[in-house]
């Protein structure tokens, strides 16, 4: 009597997750780029402009609050006009700051992309990962399944060479 044993070969699936943006922006290169940008004369001037406009707006608001009842309609209109100009200055400075930050983020991602891809591929291979998911797409993952820190370490090694 012959016995047939069925042999099933099951490839082990090893799943991991990564937060790509966190991995890129937690790298030493990105942190140094952000620090340099925040300390640049242009950014400092923009920030000072925004803070100055905010302070002006706040001072005008307090003045209007305390003196509004004694002001004529023309004085109220003039104060509102000054406040709208200060608000526009503030909004413009904030928009410029946000544009600078967005441009810096894009620049960092573009500059780091080749080294990031290499670092990610190496970590995936070293860890034997067969399925890699973005952490934003996953509801639950244990910390040991998260490759973000390992990729940051490898990326730091690559950008320091």
Protein backbone atom coordinates (compact mmCIF):
# COMPACT_ATOMS: atom_id res chain seq x y z
CA UNK A 1 0.00 0.00 0.00
CA UNK A 2 1.46 3.29 -1.08
CA UNK A 3 1.01 6.36 0.98
CA UNK A 4 1.15 9.68 -0.75
CA UNK A 5 2.14 12.54 1.43
CA UNK A 6 1.25 15.88 0.08
CA UNK A 7 4.06 18.32 0.54
CA UNK A 8 3.08 21.92 0.61
CA UNK A 9 5.75 24.51 0.30
CA UNK A 10 4.69 27.66 1.99
CA UNK A 11 6.79 30.71 1.45
CA UNK A 12 7.02 32.65 4.64
CA UNK A 13 5.62 36.11 4.26
CA UNK A 14 7.31 38.79 6.29
CA UNK A 15 5.34 42.01 6.40
CA UNK A 16 6.67 45.38 7.46
CA UNK A 17 5.54 48.99 7.44
CA UNK A 18 7.35 52.27 6.89
CA UNK A 19 6.51 55.95 7.22
CA UNK A 20 8.38 57.35 4.23
CA UNK A 21 8.08 61.04 5.13
CA UNK A 22 9.09 60.43 8.73
CA UNK A 23 12.07 58.38 7.56
CA UNK A 24 13.25 61.13 5.22
CA UNK A 25 12.65 64.06 7.54
CA UNK A 26 14.05 62.33 10.63
CA UNK A 27 17.38 61.86 8.87
CA UNK A 28 20.34 63.95 9.96
CA UNK A 29 20.58 65.45 6.47
CA UNK A 30 16.98 66.69 6.57
CA UNK A 31 17.29 67.96 10.15
CA UNK A 32 20.45 69.90 9.25
CA UNK A 33 18.78 71.33 6.14
CA UNK A 34 15.76 72.48 8.15
CA UNK A 35 17.99 74.01 10.82
CA UNK A 36 20.03 75.88 8.20
CA UNK A 37 16.85 77.14 6.57
CA UNK A 38 15.37 78.35 9.86
CA UNK A 39 18.59 80.22 10.61
CA UNK A 40 18.89 81.80 7.15
CA UNK A 41 18.60 85.58 6.94
CA UNK A 42 15.62 85.39 4.56
CA UNK A 43 13.62 83.11 6.86
CA UNK A 44 14.49 85.12 9.97
CA UNK A 45 13.34 88.30 8.17
CA UNK A 46 10.08 86.66 7.08
CA UNK A 47 9.41 85.38 10.57
CA UNK A 48 10.14 88.82 12.05
CA UNK A 49 7.78 90.40 9.51
CA UNK A 50 4.99 87.97 10.44
CA UNK A 51 5.55 88.46 14.17
CA UNK A 52 5.70 92.25 13.74
CA UNK A 53 2.48 92.30 11.74
CA UNK A 54 0.79 90.08 14.32
CA UNK A 55 1.91 92.39 17.14
CA UNK A 56 0.72 95.46 15.21
CA UNK A 57 -2.62 93.82 14.58
CA UNK A 58 -2.99 92.88 18.23
CA UNK A 59 -2.07 96.41 19.38
CA UNK A 60 -4.54 97.96 16.94
CA UNK A 61 -7.23 95.56 18.12
CA UNK A 62 -6.67 96.52 21.76
CA UNK A 63 -6.67 100.22 20.86
CA UNK A 64 -9.91 99.83 18.94
CA UNK A 65 -11.45 97.92 21.82
CA UNK A 66 -10.63 100.59 24.39
CA UNK A 67 -11.32 103.69 22.26
CA UNK A 68 -14.06 102.52 19.91
CA UNK A 69 -16.87 104.17 21.88
CA UNK A 70 -15.17 107.58 21.76
CA UNK A 71 -14.20 107.44 18.08
CA UNK A 72 -16.12 108.98 15.24
CA UNK A 73 -17.29 106.84 12.33
CA UNK A 74 -14.31 108.12 10.28
CA UNK A 75 -11.84 107.13 13.00
CA UNK A 76 -13.41 103.66 13.23
CA UNK A 77 -13.19 103.29 9.43
CA UNK A 78 -9.56 104.45 9.42
CA UNK A 79 -8.67 102.00 12.19
CA UNK A 80 -10.39 99.15 10.35
CA UNK A 81 -8.47 100.07 7.19
CA UNK A 82 -5.14 100.04 9.08
CA UNK A 83 -6.06 96.71 10.66
CA UNK A 84 -6.93 95.21 7.28
CA UNK A 85 -3.53 96.33 5.91
CA UNK A 86 -1.76 94.80 8.91
CA UNK A 87 -3.76 91.58 8.46
CA UNK A 88 -2.82 91.49 4.76
CA UNK A 89 0.86 91.99 5.66
CA UNK A 90 0.63 89.17 8.21
CA UNK A 91 -1.16 86.83 5.78
CA UNK A 92 1.42 87.52 3.06
CA UNK A 93 4.33 86.84 5.41
CA UNK A 94 2.71 83.58 6.58
CA UNK A 95 2.10 82.52 2.97
CA UNK A 96 5.75 83.20 2.14
CA UNK A 97 6.89 81.18 5.16
CA UNK A 98 4.64 78.28 4.17
CA UNK A 99 5.91 78.44 0.57
CA UNK A 100 9.52 78.39 1.81
CA UNK A 101 8.79 75.39 4.03
CA UNK A 102 7.04 73.51 1.22
CA UNK A 103 9.90 74.24 -1.16
CA UNK A 104 12.41 72.99 1.42
CA UNK A 105 10.41 69.79 1.93
CA UNK A 106 10.34 69.15 -1.81
CA UNK A 107 14.05 69.89 -2.10
CA UNK A 108 14.90 67.50 0.74
CA UNK A 109 12.74 64.73 -0.74
CA UNK A 110 14.28 65.23 -4.18
CA UNK A 111 17.85 65.29 -2.87
CA UNK A 112 17.40 62.31 -0.55
CA UNK A 113 15.35 60.14 -2.88
CA UNK A 114 18.23 58.12 -4.42
CA UNK A 115 19.92 57.41 -1.07
CA UNK A 116 16.53 56.72 0.52
CA UNK A 117 15.67 54.14 -2.16
CA UNK A 118 19.05 52.44 -1.64
CA UNK A 119 18.69 52.44 2.15
CA UNK A 120 15.15 51.09 1.95
CA UNK A 121 16.12 48.32 -0.49
CA UNK A 122 19.05 47.29 1.72
CA UNK A 123 16.96 47.17 4.90
CA UNK A 124 14.18 45.25 3.14
CA UNK A 125 16.71 42.72 1.89
CA UNK A 126 18.56 42.47 5.22
CA UNK A 127 15.30 41.91 7.09
CA UNK A 128 13.89 39.46 4.53
CA UNK A 129 10.77 41.55 3.98
CA UNK A 130 8.41 40.15 1.35
CA UNK A 131 5.64 42.74 1.70
CA UNK A 132 6.22 46.39 2.61
CA UNK A 133 3.31 48.73 3.29
CA UNK A 134 3.05 52.42 3.99
CA UNK A 135 2.28 52.86 7.68
CA UNK A 136 -0.50 55.33 6.79
CA UNK A 137 -2.32 52.47 5.03
CA UNK A 138 -2.18 50.12 8.00
CA UNK A 139 -4.56 50.19 10.93
CA UNK A 140 -2.44 48.16 13.36
CA UNK A 141 1.20 47.13 13.21
CA UNK A 142 3.47 46.09 16.02
CA UNK A 143 6.58 48.26 16.55
CA UNK A 144 8.89 45.42 15.50
CA UNK A 145 7.21 45.45 12.07
CA UNK A 146 8.06 49.14 11.57
CA UNK A 147 11.22 49.68 9.50
CA UNK A 148 11.22 53.48 9.75
CA UNK A 149 13.97 53.77 12.38
CA UNK A 150 16.18 51.20 10.63
CA UNK A 151 15.83 53.04 7.33
CA UNK A 152 16.64 56.36 9.04
CA UNK A 153 19.82 54.82 10.49
CA UNK A 154 20.85 53.42 7.11
CA UNK A 155 20.01 56.72 5.39
CA UNK A 156 22.15 58.59 7.92
CA UNK A 157 25.05 56.26 7.11
CA UNK A 158 24.62 56.89 3.39
CA UNK A 159 24.37 60.67 3.62
CA UNK A 160 27.44 60.95 5.86
CA UNK A 161 29.70 59.18 3.36
